Amino acid sequence: MKQQTIRSDQAVYKLQEDDTYIRVIAINAESRIYLNPITRYDGKNEKAFLSAMQLPKENKLQTWLFRACIAGFMYFLLRGIWLLWGPKNRKC
């Protein structure tokens, strides 16, 4: 732990030379909130910085398969609702 601030709605911390990143953890009686970390970046080696962050890879096939499954599910759900409670063809 680099710094602790108690009973305050704000906190200030100045990054030190040896800090690579800082993450804020806000704690109250019932919960604990982990905020996104602040990372050090020198502005020069962007590829090394981004590869160290381990960004997720885009998978277009899985994305479209997932979307198709959701669309199919919605189609059959709405069709079932229409068949059960939709207007009936009744002769008067």
N, C-alpha and C. Protein backbone atom coordinates (compact mmCIF):
# COMPACT_ATOMS: atom_id res chain seq x y z
N MET A 1 0.85 -1.16 0.00
CA MET A 1 0.00 0.00 0.00
C MET A 1 0.90 1.24 0.00
N LYS A 2 0.65 2.11 -0.95
CA LYS A 2 1.46 3.32 -1.09
C LYS A 2 0.93 4.48 -0.24
N GLN A 3 -0.41 4.58 -0.16
CA GLN A 3 -1.02 5.69 0.60
C GLN A 3 -2.39 5.27 1.08
N GLN A 4 -2.78 5.75 2.23
CA GLN A 4 -4.11 5.49 2.77
C GLN A 4 -4.75 6.82 3.15
N THR A 5 -5.97 7.04 2.67
CA THR A 5 -6.73 8.24 3.01
C THR A 5 -8.03 7.78 3.67
N ILE A 6 -8.32 8.29 4.83
CA ILE A 6 -9.47 7.83 5.60
C ILE A 6 -10.51 8.94 5.69
N ARG A 7 -11.78 8.53 5.52
CA ARG A 7 -12.94 9.43 5.65
C ARG A 7 -12.78 10.69 4.82
N SER A 8 -12.61 10.48 3.53
CA SER A 8 -12.45 11.61 2.61
C SER A 8 -13.15 11.29 1.30
N ASP A 9 -13.60 12.32 0.60
CA ASP A 9 -14.21 12.10 -0.70
C ASP A 9 -13.21 12.31 -1.83
N GLN A 10 -11.95 12.58 -1.49
CA GLN A 10 -10.91 12.71 -2.51
C GLN A 10 -9.55 12.35 -1.92
N ALA A 11 -8.65 11.94 -2.81
CA ALA A 11 -7.28 11.61 -2.40
C ALA A 11 -6.34 11.99 -3.52
N VAL A 12 -5.12 12.39 -3.16
CA VAL A 12 -4.11 12.78 -4.15
C VAL A 12 -2.85 11.98 -3.87
N TYR A 13 -2.27 11.43 -4.95
CA TYR A 13 -1.02 10.70 -4.83
C TYR A 13 -0.15 11.05 -6.03
N LYS A 14 1.09 11.41 -5.80
CA LYS A 14 2.01 11.73 -6.87
C LYS A 14 2.82 10.47 -7.19
N LEU A 15 2.79 10.05 -8.48
CA LEU A 15 3.55 8.86 -8.88
C LEU A 15 5.03 9.05 -8.60
N GLN A 16 5.64 8.03 -8.01
CA GLN A 16 7.07 8.05 -7.74
C GLN A 16 7.82 7.46 -8.93
N GLU A 17 9.11 7.61 -8.98
CA GLU A 17 9.92 7.11 -10.10
C GLU A 17 9.83 5.60 -10.24
N ASP A 18 9.72 4.87 -9.14
CA ASP A 18 9.70 3.41 -9.20
C ASP A 18 8.29 2.83 -9.36
N ASP A 19 7.26 3.66 -9.40
CA ASP A 19 5.88 3.20 -9.58
C ASP A 19 5.64 2.89 -11.05
N THR A 20 5.21 1.65 -11.35
CA THR A 20 4.82 1.32 -12.73
C THR A 20 3.32 1.55 -12.94
N TYR A 21 2.55 1.31 -11.90
CA TYR A 21 1.12 1.63 -11.96
C TYR A 21 0.58 1.79 -10.55
N ILE A 22 -0.55 2.46 -10.44
CA ILE A 22 -1.23 2.65 -9.17
C ILE A 22 -2.71 2.31 -9.38
N ARG A 23 -3.28 1.54 -8.46
CA ARG A 23 -4.71 1.22 -8.51
C ARG A 23 -5.35 1.73 -7.23
N VAL A 24 -6.47 2.41 -7.38
CA VAL A 24 -7.22 2.91 -6.23
C VAL A 24 -8.21 1.84 -5.78
N ILE A 25 -8.22 1.59 -4.48
CA ILE A 25 -9.20 0.68 -3.88
C ILE A 25 -9.99 1.51 -2.87
N ALA A 26 -11.26 1.74 -3.18
CA ALA A 26 -12.14 2.51 -2.28
C ALA A 26 -12.93 1.53 -1.42
N ILE A 27 -12.85 1.68 -0.12
CA ILE A 27 -13.47 0.74 0.81
C ILE A 27 -14.44 1.50 1.72
N ASN A 28 -15.64 0.92 1.90
CA ASN A 28 -16.54 1.42 2.93
C ASN A 28 -17.01 0.24 3.76
N ALA A 29 -18.00 0.42 4.60
CA ALA A 29 -18.42 -0.64 5.52
C ALA A 29 -18.96 -1.88 4.81
N GLU A 30 -19.62 -1.69 3.66
CA GLU A 30 -20.26 -2.82 2.98
C GLU A 30 -19.57 -3.29 1.71
N SER A 31 -18.68 -2.52 1.14
CA SER A 31 -18.15 -2.91 -0.17
C SER A 31 -16.72 -2.44 -0.37
N ARG A 32 -16.17 -2.92 -1.47
CA ARG A 32 -14.82 -2.57 -1.88
C ARG A 32 -14.86 -2.34 -3.39
N ILE A 33 -14.38 -1.19 -3.87
CA ILE A 33 -14.41 -0.86 -5.29
C ILE A 33 -12.97 -0.74 -5.79
N TYR A 34 -12.66 -1.49 -6.84
CA TYR A 34 -11.34 -1.43 -7.47
C TYR A 34 -11.45 -0.57 -8.73
N LEU A 35 -10.84 0.58 -8.74
CA LEU A 35 -10.88 1.46 -9.91
C LEU A 35 -9.80 1.06 -10.91
N ASN A 36 -9.95 1.50 -12.15
CA ASN A 36 -8.96 1.18 -13.18
C ASN A 36 -7.59 1.73 -12.78
N PRO A 37 -6.54 0.97 -13.10
CA PRO A 37 -5.20 1.43 -12.70
C PRO A 37 -4.70 2.59 -13.57
N ILE A 38 -3.85 3.39 -12.97
CA ILE A 38 -3.13 4.44 -13.69
C ILE A 38 -1.76 3.85 -14.00
N THR A 39 -1.38 3.81 -15.28
CA THR A 39 -0.10 3.20 -15.66
C THR A 39 0.87 4.26 -16.16
N ARG A 40 2.14 3.95 -16.01
CA ARG A 40 3.19 4.85 -16.47
C ARG A 40 3.51 4.52 -17.93
N TYR A 41 3.58 5.56 -18.76
CA TYR A 41 3.87 5.40 -20.18
C TYR A 41 4.75 6.56 -20.60
N ASP A 42 5.89 6.23 -21.21
CA ASP A 42 6.84 7.29 -21.58
C ASP A 42 6.52 7.96 -22.91
N GLY A 43 5.54 7.42 -23.67
CA GLY A 43 5.15 8.02 -24.92
C GLY A 43 6.01 7.62 -26.11
N LYS A 44 6.99 6.75 -25.89
CA LYS A 44 7.92 6.38 -26.96
C LYS A 44 7.65 4.99 -27.53
N ASN A 45 7.55 3.99 -26.70
CA ASN A 45 7.46 2.62 -27.18
C ASN A 45 6.03 2.11 -27.00
N GLU A 46 5.16 2.48 -27.92
CA GLU A 46 3.74 2.16 -27.80
C GLU A 46 3.48 0.66 -27.94
N LYS A 47 4.18 -0.03 -28.86
CA LYS A 47 3.94 -1.47 -29.05
C LYS A 47 4.28 -2.26 -27.79
N ALA A 48 5.38 -1.95 -27.15
CA ALA A 48 5.75 -2.66 -25.92
C ALA A 48 4.75 -2.38 -24.82
N PHE A 49 4.27 -1.15 -24.75
CA PHE A 49 3.29 -0.78 -23.72
C PHE A 49 1.98 -1.53 -23.94
N LEU A 50 1.50 -1.56 -25.18
CA LEU A 50 0.24 -2.22 -25.46
C LEU A 50 0.34 -3.73 -25.32
N SER A 51 1.47 -4.32 -25.69
CA SER A 51 1.61 -5.77 -25.55
C SER A 51 1.71 -6.16 -24.08
N ALA A 52 2.27 -5.31 -23.25
CA ALA A 52 2.35 -5.60 -21.82
C ALA A 52 0.96 -5.56 -21.18
N MET A 53 0.04 -4.81 -21.76
CA MET A 53 -1.31 -4.71 -21.21
C MET A 53 -2.15 -5.94 -21.53
N GLN A 54 -1.72 -6.79 -22.46
CA GLN A 54 -2.43 -8.00 -22.86
C GLN A 54 -3.87 -7.70 -23.25
N LEU A 55 -4.01 -6.90 -24.29
CA LEU A 55 -5.34 -6.55 -24.79
C LEU A 55 -6.00 -7.77 -25.41
N PRO A 56 -7.32 -7.91 -25.31
CA PRO A 56 -8.00 -9.05 -25.90
C PRO A 56 -7.94 -9.01 -27.42
N LYS A 57 -7.89 -10.19 -28.03
CA LYS A 57 -7.86 -10.27 -29.49
C LYS A 57 -9.28 -10.29 -30.03
N GLU A 58 -9.46 -9.66 -31.18
CA GLU A 58 -10.78 -9.63 -31.82
C GLU A 58 -11.02 -10.96 -32.52
N ASN A 59 -12.19 -11.53 -32.31
CA ASN A 59 -12.56 -12.78 -32.95
C ASN A 59 -13.89 -12.57 -33.66
N LYS A 60 -13.81 -12.24 -34.95
CA LYS A 60 -15.02 -11.90 -35.71
C LYS A 60 -15.97 -13.08 -35.87
N LEU A 61 -15.43 -14.28 -36.07
CA LEU A 61 -16.28 -15.46 -36.26
C LEU A 61 -17.13 -15.72 -35.02
N GLN A 62 -16.50 -15.76 -33.85
CA GLN A 62 -17.26 -15.99 -32.62
C GLN A 62 -18.26 -14.87 -32.36
N THR A 63 -17.89 -13.64 -32.67
CA THR A 63 -18.79 -12.51 -32.46
C THR A 63 -20.04 -12.68 -33.31
N TRP A 64 -19.88 -12.99 -34.60
CA TRP A 64 -21.03 -13.13 -35.48
C TRP A 64 -21.85 -14.37 -35.16
N LEU A 65 -21.20 -15.47 -34.74
CA LEU A 65 -21.95 -16.66 -34.33
C LEU A 65 -22.80 -16.35 -33.09
N PHE A 66 -22.24 -15.63 -32.16
CA PHE A 66 -22.99 -15.24 -30.97
C PHE A 66 -24.19 -14.37 -31.34
N ARG A 67 -23.96 -13.40 -32.21
CA ARG A 67 -25.06 -12.53 -32.65
C ARG A 67 -26.15 -13.32 -33.36
N ALA A 68 -25.74 -14.29 -34.21
CA ALA A 68 -26.71 -15.11 -34.93
C ALA A 68 -27.52 -15.96 -33.96
N CYS A 69 -26.88 -16.51 -32.95
CA CYS A 69 -27.60 -17.30 -31.94
C CYS A 69 -28.61 -16.44 -31.19
N ILE A 70 -28.23 -15.24 -30.82
CA ILE A 70 -29.15 -14.34 -30.12
C ILE A 70 -30.32 -13.97 -31.03
N ALA A 71 -30.04 -13.68 -32.31
CA ALA A 71 -31.11 -13.33 -33.25
C ALA A 71 -32.06 -14.52 -33.44
N GLY A 72 -31.51 -15.74 -33.58
CA GLY A 72 -32.35 -16.93 -33.71
C GLY A 72 -33.20 -17.16 -32.48
N PHE A 73 -32.62 -17.01 -31.32
CA PHE A 73 -33.37 -17.16 -30.07
C PHE A 73 -34.52 -16.15 -30.00
N MET A 74 -34.23 -14.90 -30.33
CA MET A 74 -35.27 -13.87 -30.30
C MET A 74 -36.38 -14.17 -31.30
N TYR A 75 -36.01 -14.65 -32.50
CA TYR A 75 -37.00 -14.99 -33.51
C TYR A 75 -37.96 -16.06 -33.00
N PHE A 76 -37.40 -17.17 -32.47
CA PHE A 76 -38.26 -18.26 -32.01
C PHE A 76 -39.04 -17.88 -30.76
N LEU A 77 -38.48 -17.06 -29.90
CA LEU A 77 -39.22 -16.58 -28.74
C LEU A 77 -40.42 -15.74 -29.16
N LEU A 78 -40.20 -14.77 -30.05
CA LEU A 78 -41.30 -13.91 -30.51
C LEU A 78 -42.32 -14.70 -31.32
N ARG A 79 -41.85 -15.67 -32.10
CA ARG A 79 -42.78 -16.50 -32.88
C ARG A 79 -43.65 -17.33 -31.94
N GLY A 80 -43.05 -17.88 -30.89
CA GLY A 80 -43.83 -18.65 -29.91
C GLY A 80 -44.86 -17.78 -29.20
N ILE A 81 -44.46 -16.59 -28.84
CA ILE A 81 -45.40 -15.66 -28.19
C ILE A 81 -46.54 -15.32 -29.14
N TRP A 82 -46.22 -15.09 -30.40
CA TRP A 82 -47.25 -14.77 -31.40
C TRP A 82 -48.22 -15.94 -31.58
N LEU A 83 -47.69 -17.16 -31.64
CA LEU A 83 -48.56 -18.33 -31.82
C LEU A 83 -49.44 -18.57 -30.61
N LEU A 84 -48.95 -18.31 -29.42
CA LEU A 84 -49.74 -18.55 -28.21
C LEU A 84 -50.76 -17.45 -27.95
N TRP A 85 -50.35 -16.20 -28.09
CA TRP A 85 -51.22 -15.10 -27.69
C TRP A 85 -51.57 -14.13 -28.81
N GLY A 86 -51.16 -14.42 -30.02
CA GLY A 86 -51.44 -13.53 -31.14
C GLY A 86 -52.90 -13.61 -31.57
N PRO A 87 -53.27 -12.80 -32.54
CA PRO A 87 -54.67 -12.83 -32.99
C PRO A 87 -55.01 -14.18 -33.62
N LYS A 88 -56.18 -14.69 -33.26
CA LYS A 88 -56.64 -15.99 -33.76
C LYS A 88 -57.51 -15.78 -34.99
N ASN A 89 -57.43 -16.72 -35.90
CA ASN A 89 -58.31 -16.69 -37.08
C ASN A 89 -59.62 -17.36 -36.71
N ARG A 90 -60.58 -16.57 -36.29
CA ARG A 90 -61.87 -17.09 -35.85
C ARG A 90 -62.96 -16.66 -36.83
N LYS A 91 -63.87 -17.57 -37.09
CA LYS A 91 -65.02 -17.23 -37.92
C LYS A 91 -66.16 -16.85 -37.02
N CYS A 92 -66.76 -15.73 -37.30
CA CYS A 92 -67.86 -15.26 -36.46
C CYS A 92 -69.19 -15.69 -37.01
